[in-house]
Amino acid sequence: MVMKILGVETSCDETGIAIYCEEEGIIANRVYSQIRLHQKYGGVIPELASRDHIRKTLPLIQEVLEENAIKRNEISAIAYTAGPGLVGALLVGASVAKSLALAWGIPSLGIHHMEGHLLATLLTKDPPAYPFIALLISGGHTQLIACYRNHRYQLLGESQDDAAGEAFDKVAKMLGLAYPGGPEIEKLAKKGDSERFYFPRPMTRKPGLDFSFSGLKTAVMNEVKSLEKIRPQDAEDLAAGFQKAALDTIKIKCERALDYTGLKRLVIAGGVSANMALRENLERTALEKEFKIYYPPLDLCTDNGAMIAFAGYQRLKSGQKEDLTIKVKARWPLADESI
């Protein structure tokens, strides 16, 4: 029987349901976004996120099966996000996945959210070969990982405070922009002068591969406070200066990771990997330093069920199993998932 894996993603503010087929690839991928629900609060409210996942997860699964004429007995296993993420939101997806697995008599498997992002790059027409360096960059994570083979990871460096995406959201809020802030900062920065305000490139003068974005965020806040009034041009220039500082920092750390390991392939994954300025910045460096960059398809950069279904397929192929105990983790280092 051809394996078809149902993927369930509920780690934060998107409900993602997808089906991955070992012969056909992704045959269904639906994402319901809660952005409008959280926008008026300027960020994700965990309790509201959990409640919305409760409302949407089962109906979306039913819709995906019906729209693709897939019967329940055609599903070989269910993969769900077990962490990291918001505990309440994770519990919704885990509970639904475990319950359906029990009712349908099939295995279920908890997947690391960031491994899902990482492996989404393998769904491209030109996937990277192991080994490679992965920059996992999102609202909750900024990490450099050495990936030696399937499920064999080594953490090289990570943010010691705010993740890059979190810093983008917070700076956007300072400038009165809508949530989520990353796309709004990128849009505004295109109109601005990135040289007007100079912001620090944190931890780039120190050895090592860790990141820090809290000080950069604070530097922007101090500039905002120093201005009597934020005019449109001020906001554009602040956005451009902040984005350039953040992307320069990321570029420097990626170069260091490649030099340190001697590897020549760099994977960029996670929600912030959709930032076109980030891609252009790193692609220029790739030409100079002679390494190759890989990204997931744009529709798989943000949270989705397809990456979880595919990661589940990879884990099941390697022989991984788990019982029906519901376990989720708000914090979960990816290196712990090496097998």
C-alpha atoms as a PDB file:
ATOM      1  CA  MET A   1       0.000   0.000   0.000  1.00  0.00           C
ATOM      2  CA  VAL A   2       1.275   3.465  -0.916  1.00  0.00           C
ATOM      3  CA  MET A   3       1.938   5.496   2.214  1.00  0.00           C
ATOM      4  CA  LYS A   4      -0.180   8.619   2.705  1.00  0.00           C
ATOM      5  CA  ILE A   5       0.643  10.705   5.773  1.00  0.00           C
ATOM      6  CA  LEU A   6      -1.806  13.185   7.279  1.00  0.00           C
ATOM      7  CA  GLY A   7       0.041  16.212   8.703  1.00  0.00           C
ATOM      8  CA  VAL A   8      -1.409  18.390  11.490  1.00  0.00           C
ATOM      9  CA  GLU A   9       0.289  21.671  12.419  1.00  0.00           C
ATOM     10  CA  THR A  10      -1.054  23.746  15.351  1.00  0.00           C
ATOM     11  CA  SER A  11       2.055  25.171  17.029  1.00  0.00           C
ATOM     12  CA  CYS A  12       1.035  28.842  17.011  1.00  0.00           C
ATOM     13  CA  ASP A  13      -1.429  30.897  14.958  1.00  0.00           C
ATOM     14  CA  GLU A  14      -1.961  28.768  11.843  1.00  0.00           C
ATOM     15  CA  THR A  15      -3.944  25.562  11.524  1.00  0.00           C
ATOM     16  CA  GLY A  16      -2.228  23.509   8.829  1.00  0.00           C
ATOM     17  CA  ILE A  17      -3.614  20.258   7.449  1.00  0.00           C
ATOM     18  CA  ALA A  18      -1.925  18.374   4.618  1.00  0.00           C
ATOM     19  CA  ILE A  19      -1.431  14.952   3.055  1.00  0.00           C
ATOM     20  CA  TYR A  20       1.914  13.709   1.767  1.00  0.00           C
ATOM     21  CA  CYS A  21       2.025  10.689  -0.553  1.00  0.00           C
ATOM     22  CA  GLU A  22       5.281   8.775  -0.992  1.00  0.00           C
ATOM     23  CA  GLU A  23       4.639   8.443  -4.751  1.00  0.00           C
ATOM     24  CA  GLU A  24       2.953  11.746  -5.620  1.00  0.00           C
ATOM     25  CA  GLY A  25       4.425  14.155  -3.053  1.00  0.00           C
ATOM     26  CA  ILE A  26       2.120  16.780  -1.515  1.00  0.00           C
ATOM     27  CA  ILE A  27      -1.417  16.047  -2.629  1.00  0.00           C
ATOM     28  CA  ALA A  28      -3.195  18.435  -0.247  1.00  0.00           C
ATOM     29  CA  ASN A  29      -2.105  21.443   1.786  1.00  0.00           C
ATOM     30  CA  ARG A  30      -4.579  23.727   3.556  1.00  0.00           C
ATOM     31  CA  VAL A  31      -3.656  26.501   5.973  1.00  0.00           C
ATOM     32  CA  TYR A  32      -6.061  28.579   8.034  1.00  0.00           C
ATOM     33  CA  SER A  33      -4.408  31.718   9.403  1.00  0.00           C
ATOM     34  CA  GLN A  34      -5.456  33.419  12.635  1.00  0.00           C
ATOM     35  CA  ILE A  35      -3.768  36.727  11.725  1.00  0.00           C
ATOM     36  CA  ARG A  36      -7.019  38.702  11.692  1.00  0.00           C
ATOM     37  CA  LEU A  37      -7.943  37.289  15.096  1.00  0.00           C
ATOM     38  CA  HIS A  38      -4.693  38.472  16.719  1.00  0.00           C
ATOM     39  CA  GLN A  39      -4.047  41.696  14.763  1.00  0.00           C
ATOM     40  CA  LYS A  40      -6.023  43.950  17.099  1.00  0.00           C
ATOM     41  CA  TYR A  41      -3.818  42.797  20.000  1.00  0.00           C
ATOM     42  CA  GLY A  42      -0.552  43.350  18.135  1.00  0.00           C
ATOM     43  CA  GLY A  43       0.560  39.747  18.695  1.00  0.00           C
ATOM     44  CA  VAL A  44      -0.589  36.190  19.343  1.00  0.00           C
ATOM     45  CA  ILE A  45      -2.847  35.605  22.369  1.00  0.00           C
ATOM     46  CA  PRO A  46      -2.210  31.943  23.331  1.00  0.00           C
ATOM     47  CA  GLU A  47      -5.683  31.228  24.740  1.00  0.00           C
ATOM     48  CA  LEU A  48      -7.413  32.614  21.640  1.00  0.00           C
ATOM     49  CA  ALA A  49      -5.042  30.627  19.421  1.00  0.00           C
ATOM     50  CA  SER A  50      -5.907  27.379  21.223  1.00  0.00           C
ATOM     51  CA  ARG A  51      -9.644  27.997  20.994  1.00  0.00           C
ATOM     52  CA  ASP A  52      -9.431  28.712  17.283  1.00  0.00           C
ATOM     53  CA  HIS A  53      -7.450  25.514  16.654  1.00  0.00           C
ATOM     54  CA  ILE A  54     -10.228  23.603  18.449  1.00  0.00           C
ATOM     55  CA  ARG A  55     -12.780  25.128  16.078  1.00  0.00           C
ATOM     56  CA  LYS A  56     -10.778  24.560  12.886  1.00  0.00           C
ATOM     57  CA  THR A  57      -8.659  21.401  13.114  1.00  0.00           C
ATOM     58  CA  LEU A  58     -11.264  18.648  12.688  1.00  0.00           C
ATOM     59  CA  PRO A  59     -13.348  20.515  10.052  1.00  0.00           C
ATOM     60  CA  LEU A  60     -10.194  21.187   8.013  1.00  0.00           C
ATOM     61  CA  ILE A  61      -9.177  17.519   8.160  1.00  0.00           C
ATOM     62  CA  GLN A  62     -12.643  16.520   6.947  1.00  0.00           C
ATOM     63  CA  GLU A  63     -12.522  19.092   4.131  1.00  0.00           C
ATOM     64  CA  VAL A  64      -9.068  18.001   2.972  1.00  0.00           C
ATOM     65  CA  LEU A  65     -10.122  14.342   2.820  1.00  0.00           C
ATOM     66  CA  GLU A  66     -13.360  15.085   0.983  1.00  0.00           C
ATOM     67  CA  GLU A  67     -11.866  17.588  -1.489  1.00  0.00           C
ATOM     68  CA  ASN A  68      -9.190  15.087  -2.508  1.00  0.00           C
ATOM     69  CA  ALA A  69     -11.494  12.029  -2.482  1.00  0.00           C
ATOM     70  CA  ILE A  70      -9.304  10.295   0.088  1.00  0.00           C
ATOM     71  CA  LYS A  71     -10.915   7.737   2.359  1.00  0.00           C
ATOM     72  CA  ARG A  72      -9.863   7.326   5.969  1.00  0.00           C
ATOM     73  CA  ASN A  73      -8.541   3.813   5.329  1.00  0.00           C
ATOM     74  CA  GLU A  74      -6.093   5.260   2.770  1.00  0.00           C
ATOM     75  CA  ILE A  75      -4.255   7.232   5.487  1.00  0.00           C
ATOM     76  CA  SER A  76      -1.220   5.265   6.686  1.00  0.00           C
ATOM     77  CA  ALA A  77      -0.226   7.453   9.645  1.00  0.00           C
ATOM     78  CA  ILE A  78      -0.730  10.855  11.251  1.00  0.00           C
ATOM     79  CA  ALA A  79       2.120  13.258  11.957  1.00  0.00           C
ATOM     80  CA  TYR A  80       1.505  16.208  14.254  1.00  0.00           C
ATOM     81  CA  THR A  81       3.582  19.046  15.679  1.00  0.00           C
ATOM     82  CA  ALA A  82       4.648  18.091  19.214  1.00  0.00           C
ATOM     83  CA  GLY A  83       6.758  21.190  19.819  1.00  0.00           C
ATOM     84  CA  PRO A  84       8.175  23.680  20.241  1.00  0.00           C
ATOM     85  CA  GLY A  85       5.290  26.127  20.372  1.00  0.00           C
ATOM     86  CA  LEU A  86       2.353  27.287  22.468  1.00  0.00           C
ATOM     87  CA  VAL A  87       1.427  24.410  24.786  1.00  0.00           C
ATOM     88  CA  GLY A  88      -2.344  24.892  24.490  1.00  0.00           C
ATOM     89  CA  ALA A  89      -2.178  25.054  20.703  1.00  0.00           C
ATOM     90  CA  LEU A  90       0.111  22.017  20.518  1.00  0.00           C
ATOM     91  CA  LEU A  91      -2.230  20.015  22.752  1.00  0.00           C
ATOM     92  CA  VAL A  92      -5.113  20.586  20.349  1.00  0.00           C
ATOM     93  CA  GLY A  93      -3.238  19.107  17.395  1.00  0.00           C
ATOM     94  CA  ALA A  94      -1.732  16.290  19.460  1.00  0.00           C
ATOM     95  CA  SER A  95      -5.098  15.315  20.962  1.00  0.00           C
ATOM     96  CA  VAL A  96      -6.824  15.270  17.590  1.00  0.00           C
ATOM     97  CA  ALA A  97      -3.991  13.288  15.983  1.00  0.00           C
ATOM     98  CA  LYS A  98      -3.826  10.695  18.766  1.00  0.00           C
ATOM     99  CA  SER A  99      -7.620  10.288  18.861  1.00  0.00           C
ATOM    100  CA  LEU A 100      -7.898   9.779  15.105  1.00  0.00           C
ATOM    101  CA  ALA A 101      -4.929   7.406  15.114  1.00  0.00           C
ATOM    102  CA  LEU A 102      -6.640   5.289  17.789  1.00  0.00           C
ATOM    103  CA  ALA A 103      -9.985   5.355  15.986  1.00  0.00           C
ATOM    104  CA  TRP A 104      -8.458   4.545  12.570  1.00  0.00           C
ATOM    105  CA  GLY A 105      -5.985   1.976  13.898  1.00  0.00           C
ATOM    106  CA  ILE A 106      -2.892   3.671  12.475  1.00  0.00           C
ATOM    107  CA  PRO A 107       0.331   5.040  13.999  1.00  0.00           C
ATOM    108  CA  SER A 108       0.828   8.673  15.011  1.00  0.00           C
ATOM    109  CA  LEU A 109       4.106  10.510  15.422  1.00  0.00           C
ATOM    110  CA  GLY A 110       5.034  13.812  17.088  1.00  0.00           C
ATOM    111  CA  ILE A 111       7.289  16.000  14.935  1.00  0.00           C
ATOM    112  CA  HIS A 112       9.687  18.785  15.856  1.00  0.00           C
ATOM    113  CA  HIS A 113       8.326  21.986  14.322  1.00  0.00           C
ATOM    114  CA  MET A 114      11.735  23.257  13.201  1.00  0.00           C
ATOM    115  CA  GLU A 115      12.670  19.907  11.666  1.00  0.00           C
ATOM    116  CA  GLY A 116       9.528  20.305   9.592  1.00  0.00           C
ATOM    117  CA  HIS A 117      10.776  23.683   8.341  1.00  0.00           C
ATOM    118  CA  LEU A 118      14.236  22.263   7.677  1.00  0.00           C
ATOM    119  CA  LEU A 119      12.986  19.251   5.715  1.00  0.00           C
ATOM    120  CA  ALA A 120      10.572  21.370   3.648  1.00  0.00           C
ATOM    121  CA  THR A 121      13.607  22.332   1.575  1.00  0.00           C
ATOM    122  CA  LEU A 122      13.857  18.701   0.443  1.00  0.00           C
ATOM    123  CA  LEU A 123      10.478  19.124  -1.274  1.00  0.00           C
ATOM    124  CA  THR A 124      11.983  21.365  -3.968  1.00  0.00           C
ATOM    125  CA  LYS A 125      12.934  20.190  -7.479  1.00  0.00           C
ATOM    126  CA  ASP A 126      16.602  20.708  -6.605  1.00  0.00           C
ATOM    127  CA  PRO A 127      16.920  19.583  -2.970  1.00  0.00           C
ATOM    128  CA  PRO A 128      20.207  19.932  -1.076  1.00  0.00           C
ATOM    129  CA  ALA A 129      22.355  16.879  -0.494  1.00  0.00           C
ATOM    130  CA  TYR A 130      23.684  16.168   2.984  1.00  0.00           C
ATOM    131  CA  PRO A 131      25.722  17.512   4.686  1.00  0.00           C
ATOM    132  CA  PHE A 132      24.681  21.179   4.850  1.00  0.00           C
ATOM    133  CA  ILE A 133      24.247  24.114   7.205  1.00  0.00           C
ATOM    134  CA  ALA A 134      20.672  25.158   8.006  1.00  0.00           C
ATOM    135  CA  LEU A 135      19.671  28.624   9.156  1.00  0.00           C
ATOM    136  CA  LEU A 136      16.307  28.167  10.863  1.00  0.00           C
ATOM    137  CA  ILE A 137      14.809  31.604  11.195  1.00  0.00           C
ATOM    138  CA  SER A 138      11.287  32.404  12.364  1.00  0.00           C
ATOM    139  CA  GLY A 139       9.266  34.348  14.900  1.00  0.00           C
ATOM    140  CA  GLY A 140      10.398  32.046  17.673  1.00  0.00           C
ATOM    141  CA  HIS A 141      13.767  30.708  16.527  1.00  0.00           C
ATOM    142  CA  THR A 142      17.077  31.786  15.048  1.00  0.00           C
ATOM    143  CA  GLN A 143      19.446  28.828  14.890  1.00  0.00           C
ATOM    144  CA  LEU A 144      22.394  27.563  12.875  1.00  0.00           C
ATOM    145  CA  ILE A 145      22.349  23.774  12.581  1.00  0.00           C
ATOM    146  CA  ALA A 146      24.870  21.438  10.966  1.00  0.00           C
ATOM    147  CA  CYS A 147      22.889  18.681   9.231  1.00  0.00           C
ATOM    148  CA  TYR A 148      25.127  15.693   8.532  1.00  0.00           C
ATOM    149  CA  ARG A 149      22.522  13.181   7.392  1.00  0.00           C
ATOM    150  CA  ASN A 150      18.845  12.464   7.877  1.00  0.00           C
ATOM    151  CA  HIS A 151      17.931  13.104  11.558  1.00  0.00           C
ATOM    152  CA  ARG A 152      21.575  13.808  12.506  1.00  0.00           C
ATOM    153  CA  TYR A 153      21.865  17.431  13.650  1.00  0.00           C
ATOM    154  CA  GLN A 154      24.326  19.556  15.597  1.00  0.00           C
ATOM    155  CA  LEU A 155      23.411  22.946  17.047  1.00  0.00           C
ATOM    156  CA  LEU A 156      26.132  25.476  16.152  1.00  0.00           C
ATOM    157  CA  GLY A 157      24.559  28.671  17.438  1.00  0.00           C
ATOM    158  CA  GLU A 158      21.242  30.265  18.363  1.00  0.00           C
ATOM    159  CA  SER A 159      19.746  33.517  19.599  1.00  0.00           C
ATOM    160  CA  GLN A 160      20.459  34.237  23.243  1.00  0.00           C
ATOM    161  CA  ASP A 161      17.339  36.431  23.531  1.00  0.00           C
ATOM    162  CA  ASP A 162      14.854  37.572  20.885  1.00  0.00           C
ATOM    163  CA  ALA A 163      14.565  35.557  17.693  1.00  0.00           C
ATOM    164  CA  ALA A 164      15.011  37.530  14.472  1.00  0.00           C
ATOM    165  CA  GLY A 165      11.311  37.313  13.571  1.00  0.00           C
ATOM    166  CA  GLU A 166      10.360  38.422  17.075  1.00  0.00           C
ATOM    167  CA  ALA A 167      12.628  41.468  16.743  1.00  0.00           C
ATOM    168  CA  PHE A 168      10.986  42.330  13.401  1.00  0.00           C
ATOM    169  CA  ASP A 169       7.538  42.140  15.031  1.00  0.00           C
ATOM    170  CA  LYS A 170       8.562  44.315  17.987  1.00  0.00           C
ATOM    171  CA  VAL A 171      10.192  46.985  15.818  1.00  0.00           C
ATOM    172  CA  ALA A 172       7.112  47.004  13.601  1.00  0.00           C
ATOM    173  CA  LYS A 173       4.983  47.655  16.679  1.00  0.00           C
ATOM    174  CA  MET A 174       7.224  50.602  17.652  1.00  0.00           C
ATOM    175  CA  LEU A 175       6.617  52.073  14.212  1.00  0.00           C
ATOM    176  CA  GLY A 176       2.858  51.581  14.408  1.00  0.00           C
ATOM    177  CA  LEU A 177       2.759  48.824  11.795  1.00  0.00           C
ATOM    178  CA  ALA A 178       0.305  45.947  11.671  1.00  0.00           C
ATOM    179  CA  TYR A 179       0.960  42.426  12.956  1.00  0.00           C
ATOM    180  CA  PRO A 180       2.744  40.326  11.729  1.00  0.00           C
ATOM    181  CA  GLY A 181       5.535  42.847  11.506  1.00  0.00           C
ATOM    182  CA  GLY A 182       8.084  41.083   9.299  1.00  0.00           C
ATOM    183  CA  PRO A 183       6.355  41.653   5.940  1.00  0.00           C
ATOM    184  CA  GLU A 184       5.428  45.225   6.983  1.00  0.00           C
ATOM    185  CA  ILE A 185       9.047  46.079   7.867  1.00  0.00           C
ATOM    186  CA  GLU A 186      10.264  44.612   4.581  1.00  0.00           C
ATOM    187  CA  LYS A 187       7.687  46.615   2.623  1.00  0.00           C
ATOM    188  CA  LEU A 188       8.533  49.881   4.419  1.00  0.00           C
ATOM    189  CA  ALA A 189      12.306  49.333   4.195  1.00  0.00           C
ATOM    190  CA  LYS A 190      12.148  49.340   0.394  1.00  0.00           C
ATOM    191  CA  LYS A 191      11.285  53.051   0.522  1.00  0.00           C
ATOM    192  CA  GLY A 192      13.827  53.999   3.186  1.00  0.00           C
ATOM    193  CA  ASP A 193      17.463  55.090   3.408  1.00  0.00           C
ATOM    194  CA  SER A 194      19.313  52.314   5.236  1.00  0.00           C
ATOM    195  CA  GLU A 195      22.304  54.599   5.883  1.00  0.00           C
ATOM    196  CA  ARG A 196      20.489  57.369   7.770  1.00  0.00           C
ATOM    197  CA  PHE A 197      20.332  55.441  11.052  1.00  0.00           C
ATOM    198  CA  TYR A 198      23.192  53.131  11.950  1.00  0.00           C
ATOM    199  CA  PHE A 199      22.318  50.264  14.249  1.00  0.00           C
ATOM    200  CA  PRO A 200      24.668  47.691  15.822  1.00  0.00           C
ATOM    201  CA  ARG A 201      25.379  44.261  14.360  1.00  0.00           C
ATOM    202  CA  PRO A 202      25.132  42.360  17.669  1.00  0.00           C
ATOM    203  CA  MET A 203      27.755  39.777  18.639  1.00  0.00           C
ATOM    204  CA  THR A 204      29.581  40.021  15.301  1.00  0.00           C
ATOM    205  CA  ARG A 205      32.784  41.306  16.884  1.00  0.00           C
ATOM    206  CA  LYS A 206      32.902  38.327  19.226  1.00  0.00           C
ATOM    207  CA  PRO A 207      33.862  34.807  18.124  1.00  0.00           C
ATOM    208  CA  GLY A 208      31.136  32.195  17.974  1.00  0.00           C
ATOM    209  CA  LEU A 209      27.893  31.528  16.155  1.00  0.00           C
ATOM    210  CA  ASP A 210      25.264  32.703  18.655  1.00  0.00           C
ATOM    211  CA  PHE A 211      22.879  35.556  17.856  1.00  0.00           C
ATOM    212  CA  SER A 212      21.381  38.413  19.870  1.00  0.00           C
ATOM    213  CA  PHE A 213      18.682  40.768  18.606  1.00  0.00           C
ATOM    214  CA  SER A 214      17.484  42.349  21.864  1.00  0.00           C
ATOM    215  CA  GLY A 215      20.139  45.086  21.810  1.00  0.00           C
ATOM    216  CA  LEU A 216      19.367  45.895  18.182  1.00  0.00           C
ATOM    217  CA  LYS A 217      15.682  46.203  19.040  1.00  0.00           C
ATOM    218  CA  THR A 218      16.567  48.508  21.957  1.00  0.00           C
ATOM    219  CA  ALA A 219      18.750  50.685  19.709  1.00  0.00           C
ATOM    220  CA  VAL A 220      15.779  51.207  17.387  1.00  0.00           C
ATOM    221  CA  MET A 221      13.532  52.024  20.361  1.00  0.00           C
ATOM    222  CA  ASN A 222      16.028  54.676  21.540  1.00  0.00           C
ATOM    223  CA  GLU A 223      16.051  56.310  18.107  1.00  0.00           C
ATOM    224  CA  VAL A 224      12.246  56.290  18.039  1.00  0.00           C
ATOM    225  CA  LYS A 225      12.154  57.992  21.441  1.00  0.00           C
ATOM    226  CA  SER A 226      14.692  60.612  20.330  1.00  0.00           C
ATOM    227  CA  LEU A 227      12.431  61.788  17.515  1.00  0.00           C
ATOM    228  CA  GLU A 228       9.707  64.228  18.517  1.00  0.00           C
ATOM    229  CA  LYS A 229       7.375  62.801  15.917  1.00  0.00           C
ATOM    230  CA  ILE A 230       7.693  59.817  13.599  1.00  0.00           C
ATOM    231  CA  ARG A 231       7.069  61.089  10.086  1.00  0.00           C
ATOM    232  CA  PRO A 232       6.550  58.636   7.190  1.00  0.00           C
ATOM    233  CA  GLN A 233      10.136  59.176   6.000  1.00  0.00           C
ATOM    234  CA  ASP A 234      11.457  58.546   9.513  1.00  0.00           C
ATOM    235  CA  ALA A 235       9.572  55.253   9.718  1.00  0.00           C
ATOM    236  CA  GLU A 236      10.865  54.171   6.309  1.00  0.00           C
ATOM    237  CA  ASP A 237      14.479  55.020   7.209  1.00  0.00           C
ATOM    238  CA  LEU A 238      14.231  53.339  10.627  1.00  0.00           C
ATOM    239  CA  ALA A 239      12.805  50.197   9.024  1.00  0.00           C
ATOM    240  CA  ALA A 240      15.530  50.168   6.387  1.00  0.00           C
ATOM    241  CA  GLY A 241      18.316  50.716   8.929  1.00  0.00           C
ATOM    242  CA  PHE A 242      16.993  48.039  11.265  1.00  0.00           C
ATOM    243  CA  GLN A 243      16.490  45.478   8.505  1.00  0.00           C
ATOM    244  CA  LYS A 244      19.984  46.075   7.115  1.00  0.00           C
ATOM    245  CA  ALA A 245      21.550  45.621  10.563  1.00  0.00           C
ATOM    246  CA  ALA A 246      19.597  42.411  11.201  1.00  0.00           C
ATOM    247  CA  LEU A 247      20.382  40.930   7.793  1.00  0.00           C
ATOM    248  CA  ASP A 248      24.058  41.900   7.970  1.00  0.00           C
ATOM    249  CA  THR A 249      24.263  40.109  11.331  1.00  0.00           C
ATOM    250  CA  ILE A 250      22.652  36.987   9.900  1.00  0.00           C
ATOM    251  CA  LYS A 251      24.928  37.033   6.851  1.00  0.00           C
ATOM    252  CA  ILE A 252      28.089  37.302   8.975  1.00  0.00           C
ATOM    253  CA  LYS A 253      27.033  34.390  11.183  1.00  0.00           C
ATOM    254  CA  CYS A 254      26.152  32.200   8.181  1.00  0.00           C
ATOM    255  CA  GLU A 255      29.572  32.866   6.632  1.00  0.00           C
ATOM    256  CA  ARG A 256      31.220  31.908   9.909  1.00  0.00           C
ATOM    257  CA  ALA A 257      29.251  28.672  10.143  1.00  0.00           C
ATOM    258  CA  LEU A 258      30.249  27.665   6.615  1.00  0.00           C
ATOM    259  CA  ASP A 259      33.904  28.531   7.263  1.00  0.00           C
ATOM    260  CA  TYR A 260      33.860  26.671  10.599  1.00  0.00           C
ATOM    261  CA  THR A 261      32.462  23.455   9.128  1.00  0.00           C
ATOM    262  CA  GLY A 262      33.963  23.683   5.652  1.00  0.00           C
ATOM    263  CA  LEU A 263      30.541  22.977   4.131  1.00  0.00           C
ATOM    264  CA  LYS A 264      29.386  24.600   0.890  1.00  0.00           C
ATOM    265  CA  ARG A 265      25.607  24.284   1.108  1.00  0.00           C
ATOM    266  CA  LEU A 266      23.317  26.581   3.111  1.00  0.00           C
ATOM    267  CA  VAL A 267      19.605  25.937   3.705  1.00  0.00           C
ATOM    268  CA  ILE A 268      17.419  28.870   4.806  1.00  0.00           C
ATOM    269  CA  ALA A 269      14.092  27.802   6.332  1.00  0.00           C
ATOM    270  CA  GLY A 270      11.347  29.164   8.579  1.00  0.00           C
ATOM    271  CA  GLY A 271       8.934  32.069   8.196  1.00  0.00           C
ATOM    272  CA  VAL A 272      11.611  34.764   7.848  1.00  0.00           C
ATOM    273  CA  SER A 273      13.153  32.852   4.920  1.00  0.00           C
ATOM    274  CA  ALA A 274      10.387  34.404   2.796  1.00  0.00           C
ATOM    275  CA  ASN A 275      12.046  37.834   3.259  1.00  0.00           C
ATOM    276  CA  MET A 276      13.319  38.780  -0.214  1.00  0.00           C
ATOM    277  CA  ALA A 277      15.936  41.193   1.149  1.00  0.00           C
ATOM    278  CA  LEU A 278      17.400  38.345   3.231  1.00  0.00           C
ATOM    279  CA  ARG A 279      17.564  36.121   0.155  1.00  0.00           C
ATOM    280  CA  GLU A 280      19.203  38.789  -1.994  1.00  0.00           C
ATOM    281  CA  ASN A 281      21.747  39.592   0.730  1.00  0.00           C
ATOM    282  CA  LEU A 282      22.769  35.958   1.157  1.00  0.00           C
ATOM    283  CA  GLU A 283      22.760  35.213  -2.573  1.00  0.00           C
ATOM    284  CA  ARG A 284      25.275  38.012  -3.187  1.00  0.00           C
ATOM    285  CA  THR A 285      27.472  36.510  -0.481  1.00  0.00           C
ATOM    286  CA  ALA A 286      27.045  33.035  -1.979  1.00  0.00           C
ATOM    287  CA  LEU A 287      28.415  34.247  -5.303  1.00  0.00           C
ATOM    288  CA  GLU A 288      31.419  35.857  -3.598  1.00  0.00           C
ATOM    289  CA  LYS A 289      32.156  32.943  -1.259  1.00  0.00           C
ATOM    290  CA  GLU A 290      31.214  30.169  -3.719  1.00  0.00           C
ATOM    291  CA  PHE A 291      28.584  28.287  -1.772  1.00  0.00           C
ATOM    292  CA  LYS A 292      25.040  27.308  -2.754  1.00  0.00           C
ATOM    293  CA  ILE A 293      21.793  28.386  -1.084  1.00  0.00           C
ATOM    294  CA  TYR A 294      18.534  26.431  -0.887  1.00  0.00           C
ATOM    295  CA  TYR A 295      15.068  27.574   0.231  1.00  0.00           C
ATOM    296  CA  PRO A 296      11.711  25.847   0.658  1.00  0.00           C
ATOM    297  CA  PRO A 297       8.987  26.849  -1.818  1.00  0.00           C
ATOM    298  CA  LEU A 298       7.468  30.178  -0.727  1.00  0.00           C
ATOM    299  CA  ASP A 299       4.177  28.542   0.250  1.00  0.00           C
ATOM    300  CA  LEU A 300       6.078  26.214   2.602  1.00  0.00           C
ATOM    301  CA  CYS A 301       8.132  28.919   4.342  1.00  0.00           C
ATOM    302  CA  THR A 302       5.459  29.776   6.887  1.00  0.00           C
ATOM    303  CA  ASP A 303       3.830  27.184   9.155  1.00  0.00           C
ATOM    304  CA  ASN A 304       1.996  24.440   7.272  1.00  0.00           C
ATOM    305  CA  GLY A 305       0.896  20.829   7.586  1.00  0.00           C
ATOM    306  CA  ALA A 306       2.810  19.634   4.500  1.00  0.00           C
ATOM    307  CA  MET A 307       6.193  20.007   6.159  1.00  0.00           C
ATOM    308  CA  ILE A 308       4.926  18.057   9.186  1.00  0.00           C
ATOM    309  CA  ALA A 309       3.481  15.293   7.006  1.00  0.00           C
ATOM    310  CA  PHE A 310       6.755  14.997   5.071  1.00  0.00           C
ATOM    311  CA  ALA A 311       8.862  15.002   8.250  1.00  0.00           C
ATOM    312  CA  GLY A 312       6.558  12.301   9.625  1.00  0.00           C
ATOM    313  CA  TYR A 313       7.067  10.232   6.490  1.00  0.00           C
ATOM    314  CA  GLN A 314      10.848  10.501   6.881  1.00  0.00           C
ATOM    315  CA  ARG A 315      10.673   9.469  10.547  1.00  0.00           C
ATOM    316  CA  LEU A 316       8.352   6.529   9.863  1.00  0.00           C
ATOM    317  CA  LYS A 317      10.653   5.307   7.081  1.00  0.00           C
ATOM    318  CA  SER A 318      13.537   5.288   9.572  1.00  0.00           C
ATOM    319  CA  GLY A 319      11.493   3.024  11.853  1.00  0.00           C
ATOM    320  CA  GLN A 320      10.511   5.553  14.513  1.00  0.00           C
ATOM    321  CA  LYS A 321       7.351   4.780  16.515  1.00  0.00           C
ATOM    322  CA  GLU A 322       5.535   6.103  19.576  1.00  0.00           C
ATOM    323  CA  ASP A 323       2.633   5.082  21.783  1.00  0.00           C
ATOM    324  CA  LEU A 324      -0.662   6.917  22.310  1.00  0.00           C
ATOM    325  CA  THR A 325       0.628   9.078  25.184  1.00  0.00           C
ATOM    326  CA  ILE A 326       0.017  12.766  24.486  1.00  0.00           C
ATOM    327  CA  LYS A 327       3.268  14.673  24.963  1.00  0.00           C
ATOM    328  CA  VAL A 328       4.038  18.198  23.790  1.00  0.00           C
ATOM    329  CA  LYS A 329       6.974  20.497  24.498  1.00  0.00           C
ATOM    330  CA  ALA A 330       6.951  24.293  24.610  1.00  0.00           C
ATOM    331  CA  ARG A 331      10.759  24.234  24.360  1.00  0.00           C
ATOM    332  CA  TRP A 332      12.563  21.492  22.482  1.00  0.00           C
ATOM    333  CA  PRO A 333      16.142  21.790  21.169  1.00  0.00           C
ATOM    334  CA  LEU A 334      16.340  20.313  17.679  1.00  0.00           C
ATOM    335  CA  ALA A 335      19.668  18.654  18.504  1.00  0.00           C
ATOM    336  CA  ASP A 336      17.721  16.451  20.968  1.00  0.00           C
ATOM    337  CA  GLU A 337      15.960  14.917  17.980  1.00  0.00           C
ATOM    338  CA  SER A 338      19.144  13.473  16.466  1.00  0.00           C
ATOM    339  CA  ILE A 339      18.915   9.697  16.127  1.00  0.00           C
END
